[in-house]
């Protein structure tokens, strides 16, 4: 935002179906943890959002990620347990 960076050309396609055909497009984080790490490493964004907000947001969302990772799914029960 500070540098008014160009987001690149617009692609009016179904990115789920045809996204693999786009060359050089910036990649989004693959999961919440990657997004939180990117946010934490961006001092400009954290300053713009406010240090108090950023700290609280990162703590809240990191806890959310940890709770998500600790959940044992039915698929894991069905496919990984020797019962």
PDB file of N, CA and C in Angstrom:
ATOM      1  N   UNK A   1       0.834  -1.183   0.000  1.00  0.00           N
ATOM      2  CA  UNK A   1       0.000   0.000   0.000  1.00  0.00           C
ATOM      3  C   UNK A   1       0.879   1.246   0.000  1.00  0.00           C
ATOM      4  N   UNK A   2       1.938   1.181   0.796  1.00  0.00           N
ATOM      5  CA  UNK A   2       2.812   2.342   0.908  1.00  0.00           C
ATOM      6  C   UNK A   2       3.433   2.698  -0.437  1.00  0.00           C
ATOM      7  N   UNK A   3       3.833   1.670  -1.193  1.00  0.00           N
ATOM      8  CA  UNK A   3       4.503   1.910  -2.463  1.00  0.00           C
ATOM      9  C   UNK A   3       3.561   1.909  -3.655  1.00  0.00           C
ATOM     10  N   UNK A   4       2.268   1.666  -3.391  1.00  0.00           N
ATOM     11  CA  UNK A   4       1.259   1.588  -4.449  1.00  0.00           C
ATOM     12  C   UNK A   4       1.683   0.568  -5.519  1.00  0.00           C
ATOM     13  N   UNK A   5       2.125  -0.594  -5.062  1.00  0.00           N
ATOM     14  CA  UNK A   5       2.602  -1.652  -5.951  1.00  0.00           C
ATOM     15  C   UNK A   5       1.495  -2.104  -6.890  1.00  0.00           C
ATOM     16  N   UNK A   6       1.865  -2.363  -8.112  1.00  0.00           N
ATOM     17  CA  UNK A   6       0.935  -2.845  -9.130  1.00  0.00           C
ATOM     18  C   UNK A   6       0.608  -4.310  -8.845  1.00  0.00           C
ATOM     19  N   UNK A   7      -0.676  -4.676  -8.709  1.00  0.00           N
ATOM     20  CA  UNK A   7      -1.026  -6.068  -8.422  1.00  0.00           C
ATOM     21  C   UNK A   7      -0.862  -6.983  -9.632  1.00  0.00           C
ATOM     22  N   UNK A   8      -0.555  -6.427 -10.789  1.00  0.00           N
ATOM     23  CA  UNK A   8      -0.383  -7.241 -11.983  1.00  0.00           C
ATOM     24  C   UNK A   8      -1.647  -7.264 -12.816  1.00  0.00           C
ATOM     25  N   UNK A   9      -1.576  -7.973 -13.938  1.00  0.00           N
ATOM     26  CA  UNK A   9      -2.732  -8.002 -14.841  1.00  0.00           C
ATOM     27  C   UNK A   9      -3.896  -8.783 -14.259  1.00  0.00           C
ATOM     28  N   UNK A  10      -5.080  -8.398 -14.669  1.00  0.00           N
ATOM     29  CA  UNK A  10      -6.296  -9.070 -14.240  1.00  0.00           C
ATOM     30  C   UNK A  10      -6.479 -10.353 -15.053  1.00  0.00           C
ATOM     31  N   UNK A  11      -6.936 -11.407 -14.377  1.00  0.00           N
ATOM     32  CA  UNK A  11      -7.202 -12.682 -15.049  1.00  0.00           C
ATOM     33  C   UNK A  11      -8.652 -13.057 -14.784  1.00  0.00           C
ATOM     34  N   UNK A  12      -9.483 -12.971 -15.793  1.00  0.00           N
ATOM     35  CA  UNK A  12     -10.902 -13.316 -15.661  1.00  0.00           C
ATOM     36  C   UNK A  12     -11.113 -14.785 -16.007  1.00  0.00           C
ATOM     37  N   UNK A  13     -10.589 -15.657 -15.127  1.00  0.00           N
ATOM     38  CA  UNK A  13     -10.720 -17.102 -15.335  1.00  0.00           C
ATOM     39  C   UNK A  13     -11.093 -17.759 -14.015  1.00  0.00           C
ATOM     40  N   UNK A  14     -11.512 -18.986 -14.094  1.00  0.00           N
ATOM     41  CA  UNK A  14     -11.779 -19.788 -12.909  1.00  0.00           C
ATOM     42  C   UNK A  14     -10.428 -20.284 -12.394  1.00  0.00           C
ATOM     43  N   UNK A  15      -9.916 -19.664 -11.334  1.00  0.00           N
ATOM     44  CA  UNK A  15      -8.588 -20.005 -10.835  1.00  0.00           C
ATOM     45  C   UNK A  15      -8.521 -21.418 -10.265  1.00  0.00           C
ATOM     46  N   UNK A  16      -9.648 -21.961  -9.824  1.00  0.00           N
ATOM     47  CA  UNK A  16      -9.643 -23.335  -9.334  1.00  0.00           C
ATOM     48  C   UNK A  16      -9.400 -24.315 -10.474  1.00  0.00           C
ATOM     49  N   UNK A  17      -9.994 -24.009 -11.625  1.00  0.00           N
ATOM     50  CA  UNK A  17      -9.909 -24.914 -12.766  1.00  0.00           C
ATOM     51  C   UNK A  17      -8.705 -24.592 -13.653  1.00  0.00           C
ATOM     52  N   UNK A  18      -8.465 -23.310 -13.898  1.00  0.00           N
ATOM     53  CA  UNK A  18      -7.453 -22.901 -14.870  1.00  0.00           C
ATOM     54  C   UNK A  18      -6.294 -22.108 -14.279  1.00  0.00           C
ATOM     55  N   UNK A  19      -6.223 -22.016 -12.977  1.00  0.00           N
ATOM     56  CA  UNK A  19      -5.180 -21.222 -12.340  1.00  0.00           C
ATOM     57  C   UNK A  19      -3.773 -21.686 -12.672  1.00  0.00           C
ATOM     58  N   UNK A  20      -3.609 -22.975 -12.922  1.00  0.00           N
ATOM     59  CA  UNK A  20      -2.287 -23.516 -13.249  1.00  0.00           C
ATOM     60  C   UNK A  20      -1.752 -22.979 -14.580  1.00  0.00           C
ATOM     61  N   UNK A  21      -2.600 -22.372 -15.392  1.00  0.00           N
ATOM     62  CA  UNK A  21      -2.163 -21.853 -16.689  1.00  0.00           C
ATOM     63  C   UNK A  21      -1.580 -20.446 -16.587  1.00  0.00           C
ATOM     64  N   UNK A  22      -1.770 -19.779 -15.460  1.00  0.00           N
ATOM     65  CA  UNK A  22      -1.283 -18.406 -15.286  1.00  0.00           C
ATOM     66  C   UNK A  22       0.191 -18.448 -14.893  1.00  0.00           C
ATOM     67  N   UNK A  23       1.006 -17.733 -15.648  1.00  0.00           N
ATOM     68  CA  UNK A  23       2.442 -17.685 -15.386  1.00  0.00           C
ATOM     69  C   UNK A  23       2.799 -16.417 -14.610  1.00  0.00           C
ATOM     70  N   UNK A  24       3.611 -16.551 -13.584  1.00  0.00           N
ATOM     71  CA  UNK A  24       4.142 -15.397 -12.866  1.00  0.00           C
ATOM     72  C   UNK A  24       3.180 -14.708 -11.914  1.00  0.00           C
ATOM     73  N   UNK A  25       2.031 -15.287 -11.653  1.00  0.00           N
ATOM     74  CA  UNK A  25       1.071 -14.668 -10.735  1.00  0.00           C
ATOM     75  C   UNK A  25       1.577 -14.826  -9.298  1.00  0.00           C
ATOM     76  N   UNK A  26       1.420 -13.802  -8.467  1.00  0.00           N
ATOM     77  CA  UNK A  26       1.832 -13.936  -7.071  1.00  0.00           C
ATOM     78  C   UNK A  26       0.991 -15.003  -6.378  1.00  0.00           C
ATOM     79  N   UNK A  27       1.602 -15.707  -5.465  1.00  0.00           N
ATOM     80  CA  UNK A  27       0.927 -16.800  -4.758  1.00  0.00           C
ATOM     81  C   UNK A  27       0.416 -16.310  -3.406  1.00  0.00           C
ATOM     82  N   UNK A  28      -0.773 -16.775  -3.049  1.00  0.00           N
ATOM     83  CA  UNK A  28      -1.312 -16.515  -1.719  1.00  0.00           C
ATOM     84  C   UNK A  28      -0.778 -17.571  -0.759  1.00  0.00           C
ATOM     85  N   UNK A  29      -0.774 -17.277   0.536  1.00  0.00           N
ATOM     86  CA  UNK A  29      -0.363 -18.297   1.504  1.00  0.00           C
ATOM     87  C   UNK A  29      -1.247 -19.536   1.374  1.00  0.00           C
ATOM     88  N   UNK A  30      -0.662 -20.706   1.618  1.00  0.00           N
ATOM     89  CA  UNK A  30      -1.392 -21.962   1.473  1.00  0.00           C
ATOM     90  C   UNK A  30      -2.325 -22.250   2.631  1.00  0.00           C
ATOM     91  N   UNK A  31      -2.042 -21.648   3.784  1.00  0.00           N
ATOM     92  CA  UNK A  31      -2.876 -21.914   4.958  1.00  0.00           C
ATOM     93  C   UNK A  31      -2.783 -20.731   5.919  1.00  0.00           C
ATOM     94  N   UNK A  32      -3.553 -20.809   6.988  1.00  0.00           N
ATOM     95  CA  UNK A  32      -3.601 -19.719   7.960  1.00  0.00           C
ATOM     96  C   UNK A  32      -2.239 -19.467   8.591  1.00  0.00           C
ATOM     97  N   UNK A  33      -1.491 -20.517   8.904  1.00  0.00           N
ATOM     98  CA  UNK A  33      -0.184 -20.329   9.539  1.00  0.00           C
ATOM     99  C   UNK A  33       0.761 -19.560   8.629  1.00  0.00           C
ATOM    100  N   UNK A  34       0.808 -19.913   7.344  1.00  0.00           N
ATOM    101  CA  UNK A  34       1.655 -19.174   6.401  1.00  0.00           C
ATOM    102  C   UNK A  34       1.233 -17.712   6.304  1.00  0.00           C
ATOM    103  N   UNK A  35      -0.077 -17.450   6.316  1.00  0.00           N
ATOM    104  CA  UNK A  35      -0.575 -16.076   6.259  1.00  0.00           C
ATOM    105  C   UNK A  35      -0.178 -15.300   7.515  1.00  0.00           C
ATOM    106  N   UNK A  36      -0.275 -15.938   8.669  1.00  0.00           N
ATOM    107  CA  UNK A  36       0.108 -15.273   9.916  1.00  0.00           C
ATOM    108  C   UNK A  36       1.599 -14.963   9.942  1.00  0.00           C
ATOM    109  N   UNK A  37       2.398 -15.875   9.451  1.00  0.00           N
ATOM    110  CA  UNK A  37       3.855 -15.640   9.396  1.00  0.00           C
ATOM    111  C   UNK A  37       4.176 -14.468   8.469  1.00  0.00           C
ATOM    112  N   UNK A  38       3.502 -14.406   7.324  1.00  0.00           N
ATOM    113  CA  UNK A  38       3.731 -13.299   6.391  1.00  0.00           C
ATOM    114  C   UNK A  38       3.313 -11.974   7.021  1.00  0.00           C
ATOM    115  N   UNK A  39       2.179 -11.973   7.703  1.00  0.00           N
ATOM    116  CA  UNK A  39       1.704 -10.761   8.381  1.00  0.00           C
ATOM    117  C   UNK A  39       2.697 -10.326   9.459  1.00  0.00           C
ATOM    118  N   UNK A  40       3.185 -11.278  10.229  1.00  0.00           N
ATOM    119  CA  UNK A  40       4.117 -10.970  11.321  1.00  0.00           C
ATOM    120  C   UNK A  40       5.443 -10.425  10.795  1.00  0.00           C
ATOM    121  N   UNK A  41       5.817 -10.806   9.579  1.00  0.00           N
ATOM    122  CA  UNK A  41       7.076 -10.354   8.988  1.00  0.00           C
ATOM    123  C   UNK A  41       6.950  -9.032   8.220  1.00  0.00           C
ATOM    124  N   UNK A  42       5.769  -8.434   8.230  1.00  0.00           N
ATOM    125  CA  UNK A  42       5.546  -7.195   7.488  1.00  0.00           C
ATOM    126  C   UNK A  42       5.375  -6.026   8.455  1.00  0.00           C
ATOM    127  N   UNK A  43       6.475  -5.341   8.795  1.00  0.00           N
ATOM    128  CA  UNK A  43       6.387  -4.250   9.782  1.00  0.00           C
ATOM    129  C   UNK A  43       5.502  -3.091   9.318  1.00  0.00           C
ATOM    130  N   UNK A  44       5.443  -2.840   8.014  1.00  0.00           N
ATOM    131  CA  UNK A  44       4.618  -1.745   7.506  1.00  0.00           C
ATOM    132  C   UNK A  44       3.139  -2.034   7.730  1.00  0.00           C
ATOM    133  N   UNK A  45       2.706  -3.234   7.373  1.00  0.00           N
ATOM    134  CA  UNK A  45       1.304  -3.607   7.562  1.00  0.00           C
ATOM    135  C   UNK A  45       0.943  -3.616   9.044  1.00  0.00           C
ATOM    136  N   UNK A  46       1.819  -4.169   9.875  1.00  0.00           N
ATOM    137  CA  UNK A  46       1.542  -4.205  11.317  1.00  0.00           C
ATOM    138  C   UNK A  46       1.433  -2.790  11.886  1.00  0.00           C
ATOM    139  N   UNK A  47       2.269  -1.888  11.426  1.00  0.00           N
ATOM    140  CA  UNK A  47       2.198  -0.498  11.892  1.00  0.00           C
ATOM    141  C   UNK A  47       0.915   0.172  11.419  1.00  0.00           C
ATOM    142  N   UNK A  48       0.513  -0.111  10.179  1.00  0.00           N
ATOM    143  CA  UNK A  48      -0.716   0.482   9.648  1.00  0.00           C
ATOM    144  C   UNK A  48      -1.950  -0.030  10.393  1.00  0.00           C
ATOM    145  N   UNK A  49      -1.927  -1.296  10.757  1.00  0.00           N
ATOM    146  CA  UNK A  49      -3.049  -1.887  11.484  1.00  0.00           C
ATOM    147  C   UNK A  49      -3.013  -1.534  12.964  1.00  0.00           C
ATOM    148  N   UNK A  50      -1.855  -1.118  13.442  1.00  0.00           N
ATOM    149  CA  UNK A  50      -1.680  -0.782  14.853  1.00  0.00           C
ATOM    150  C   UNK A  50      -1.019  -1.940  15.575  1.00  0.00           C
ATOM    151  N   UNK A  51      -0.032  -1.623  16.373  1.00  0.00           N
ATOM    152  CA  UNK A  51       0.729  -2.664  17.066  1.00  0.00           C
ATOM    153  C   UNK A  51      -0.147  -3.460  18.035  1.00  0.00           C
ATOM    154  N   UNK A  52      -1.040  -2.787  18.752  1.00  0.00           N
ATOM    155  CA  UNK A  52      -1.900  -3.488  19.716  1.00  0.00           C
ATOM    156  C   UNK A  52      -2.844  -4.449  18.986  1.00  0.00           C
ATOM    157  N   UNK A  53      -3.454  -3.971  17.901  1.00  0.00           N
ATOM    158  CA  UNK A  53      -4.339  -4.841  17.126  1.00  0.00           C
ATOM    159  C   UNK A  53      -3.565  -6.020  16.549  1.00  0.00           C
ATOM    160  N   UNK A  54      -2.409  -5.746  15.944  1.00  0.00           N
ATOM    161  CA  UNK A  54      -1.612  -6.795  15.315  1.00  0.00           C
ATOM    162  C   UNK A  54      -1.217  -7.866  16.308  1.00  0.00           C
ATOM    163  N   UNK A  55      -0.784  -7.446  17.475  1.00  0.00           N
ATOM    164  CA  UNK A  55      -0.387  -8.405  18.504  1.00  0.00           C
ATOM    165  C   UNK A  55      -1.560  -9.275  18.935  1.00  0.00           C
ATOM    166  N   UNK A  56      -2.701  -8.642  19.190  1.00  0.00           N
ATOM    167  CA  UNK A  56      -3.892  -9.391  19.613  1.00  0.00           C
ATOM    168  C   UNK A  56      -4.382 -10.307  18.494  1.00  0.00           C
ATOM    169  N   UNK A  57      -4.379  -9.827  17.259  1.00  0.00           N
ATOM    170  CA  UNK A  57      -4.842 -10.618  16.120  1.00  0.00           C
ATOM    171  C   UNK A  57      -3.958 -11.840  15.924  1.00  0.00           C
ATOM    172  N   UNK A  58      -2.642 -11.632  15.964  1.00  0.00           N
ATOM    173  CA  UNK A  58      -1.725 -12.754  15.783  1.00  0.00           C
ATOM    174  C   UNK A  58      -1.880 -13.788  16.891  1.00  0.00           C
ATOM    175  N   UNK A  59      -2.077 -13.330  18.108  1.00  0.00           N
ATOM    176  CA  UNK A  59      -2.262 -14.262  19.219  1.00  0.00           C
ATOM    177  C   UNK A  59      -3.562 -15.056  19.043  1.00  0.00           C
ATOM    178  N   UNK A  60      -4.638 -14.377  18.717  1.00  0.00           N
ATOM    179  CA  UNK A  60      -5.942 -15.023  18.547  1.00  0.00           C
ATOM    180  C   UNK A  60      -5.915 -16.036  17.405  1.00  0.00           C
ATOM    181  N   UNK A  61      -5.378 -15.631  16.263  1.00  0.00           N
ATOM    182  CA  UNK A  61      -5.381 -16.502  15.096  1.00  0.00           C
ATOM    183  C   UNK A  61      -4.371 -17.649  15.219  1.00  0.00           C
ATOM    184  N   UNK A  62      -3.268 -17.422  15.920  1.00  0.00           N
ATOM    185  CA  UNK A  62      -2.323 -18.514  16.168  1.00  0.00           C
ATOM    186  C   UNK A  62      -2.959 -19.562  17.063  1.00  0.00           C
ATOM    187  N   UNK A  63      -3.715 -19.122  18.055  1.00  0.00           N
ATOM    188  CA  UNK A  63      -4.452 -20.058  18.900  1.00  0.00           C
ATOM    189  C   UNK A  63      -5.483 -20.825  18.076  1.00  0.00           C
ATOM    190  N   UNK A  64      -6.171 -20.137  17.181  1.00  0.00           N
ATOM    191  CA  UNK A  64      -7.149 -20.787  16.302  1.00  0.00           C
ATOM    192  C   UNK A  64      -6.464 -21.865  15.450  1.00  0.00           C
ATOM    193  N   UNK A  65      -5.294 -21.545  14.891  1.00  0.00           N
ATOM    194  CA  UNK A  65      -4.552 -22.510  14.079  1.00  0.00           C
ATOM    195  C   UNK A  65      -4.145 -23.725  14.917  1.00  0.00           C
ATOM    196  N   UNK A  66      -3.656 -23.470  16.114  1.00  0.00           N
ATOM    197  CA  UNK A  66      -3.232 -24.572  16.984  1.00  0.00           C
ATOM    198  C   UNK A  66      -4.400 -25.480  17.346  1.00  0.00           C
ATOM    199  N   UNK A  67      -5.567 -24.899  17.591  1.00  0.00           N
ATOM    200  CA  UNK A  67      -6.750 -25.721  17.887  1.00  0.00           C
ATOM    201  C   UNK A  67      -7.167 -26.523  16.661  1.00  0.00           C
ATOM    202  N   UNK A  68      -7.081 -25.926  15.498  1.00  0.00           N
ATOM    203  CA  UNK A  68      -7.404 -26.631  14.253  1.00  0.00           C
ATOM    204  C   UNK A  68      -6.457 -27.823  14.058  1.00  0.00           C
ATOM    205  N   UNK A  69      -5.172 -27.620  14.287  1.00  0.00           N
ATOM    206  CA  UNK A  69      -4.187 -28.682  14.083  1.00  0.00           C
ATOM    207  C   UNK A  69      -4.317 -29.807  15.107  1.00  0.00           C
ATOM    208  N   UNK A  70      -4.857 -29.510  16.252  1.00  0.00           N
ATOM    209  CA  UNK A  70      -4.972 -30.538  17.283  1.00  0.00           C
ATOM    210  C   UNK A  70      -6.230 -31.386  17.125  1.00  0.00           C
ATOM    211  N   UNK A  71      -7.099 -31.028  16.182  1.00  0.00           N
ATOM    212  CA  UNK A  71      -8.333 -31.772  15.938  1.00  0.00           C
ATOM    213  C   UNK A  71      -8.024 -33.039  15.153  1.00  0.00           C
ATOM    214  N   UNK A  72      -8.486 -34.163  15.639  1.00  0.00           N
ATOM    215  CA  UNK A  72      -8.279 -35.455  14.992  1.00  0.00           C
ATOM    216  C   UNK A  72      -9.513 -35.768  14.163  1.00  0.00           C
ATOM    217  N   UNK A  73      -9.360 -35.798  12.848  1.00  0.00           N
ATOM    218  CA  UNK A  73     -10.513 -35.946  11.960  1.00  0.00           C
ATOM    219  C   UNK A  73     -10.955 -37.403  11.835  1.00  0.00           C
ATOM    220  N   UNK A  74     -12.156 -37.586  11.325  1.00  0.00           N
ATOM    221  CA  UNK A  74     -12.659 -38.934  11.086  1.00  0.00           C
ATOM    222  C   UNK A  74     -11.801 -39.648  10.040  1.00  0.00           C
ATOM    223  N   UNK A  75     -11.350 -38.929   9.025  1.00  0.00           N
ATOM    224  CA  UNK A  75     -10.485 -39.530   8.012  1.00  0.00           C
ATOM    225  C   UNK A  75      -9.213 -40.067   8.658  1.00  0.00           C
ATOM    226  N   UNK A  76      -8.612 -39.291   9.566  1.00  0.00           N
ATOM    227  CA  UNK A  76      -7.400 -39.756  10.253  1.00  0.00           C
ATOM    228  C   UNK A  76      -7.702 -40.992  11.091  1.00  0.00           C
ATOM    229  N   UNK A  77      -8.844 -41.011  11.746  1.00  0.00           N
ATOM    230  CA  UNK A  77      -9.228 -42.192  12.534  1.00  0.00           C
ATOM    231  C   UNK A  77      -9.364 -43.421  11.632  1.00  0.00           C
ATOM    232  N   UNK A  78     -10.029 -43.230  10.498  1.00  0.00           N
ATOM    233  CA  UNK A  78     -10.299 -44.336   9.590  1.00  0.00           C
ATOM    234  C   UNK A  78      -9.050 -44.855   8.884  1.00  0.00           C
ATOM    235  N   UNK A  79      -8.094 -43.975   8.623  1.00  0.00           N
ATOM    236  CA  UNK A  79      -6.975 -44.350   7.768  1.00  0.00           C
ATOM    237  C   UNK A  79      -5.613 -44.465   8.445  1.00  0.00           C
ATOM    238  N   UNK A  80      -5.501 -44.055   9.675  1.00  0.00           N
ATOM    239  CA  UNK A  80      -4.175 -44.077  10.295  1.00  0.00           C
ATOM    240  C   UNK A  80      -4.083 -44.901  11.570  1.00  0.00           C
ATOM    241  N   UNK A  81      -5.208 -45.248  12.150  1.00  0.00           N
ATOM    242  CA  UNK A  81      -5.172 -46.003  13.407  1.00  0.00           C
ATOM    243  C   UNK A  81      -5.178 -47.505  13.133  1.00  0.00           C
ATOM    244  N   UNK A  82      -4.352 -48.224  13.849  1.00  0.00           N
ATOM    245  CA  UNK A  82      -4.378 -49.686  13.806  1.00  0.00           C
ATOM    246  C   UNK A  82      -5.284 -50.168  14.915  1.00  0.00           C
ATOM    247  N   UNK A  83      -6.533 -50.357  14.599  1.00  0.00           N
ATOM    248  CA  UNK A  83      -7.511 -50.771  15.622  1.00  0.00           C
ATOM    249  C   UNK A  83      -7.916 -52.213  15.410  1.00  0.00           C
TER     250      UNK A  83
END
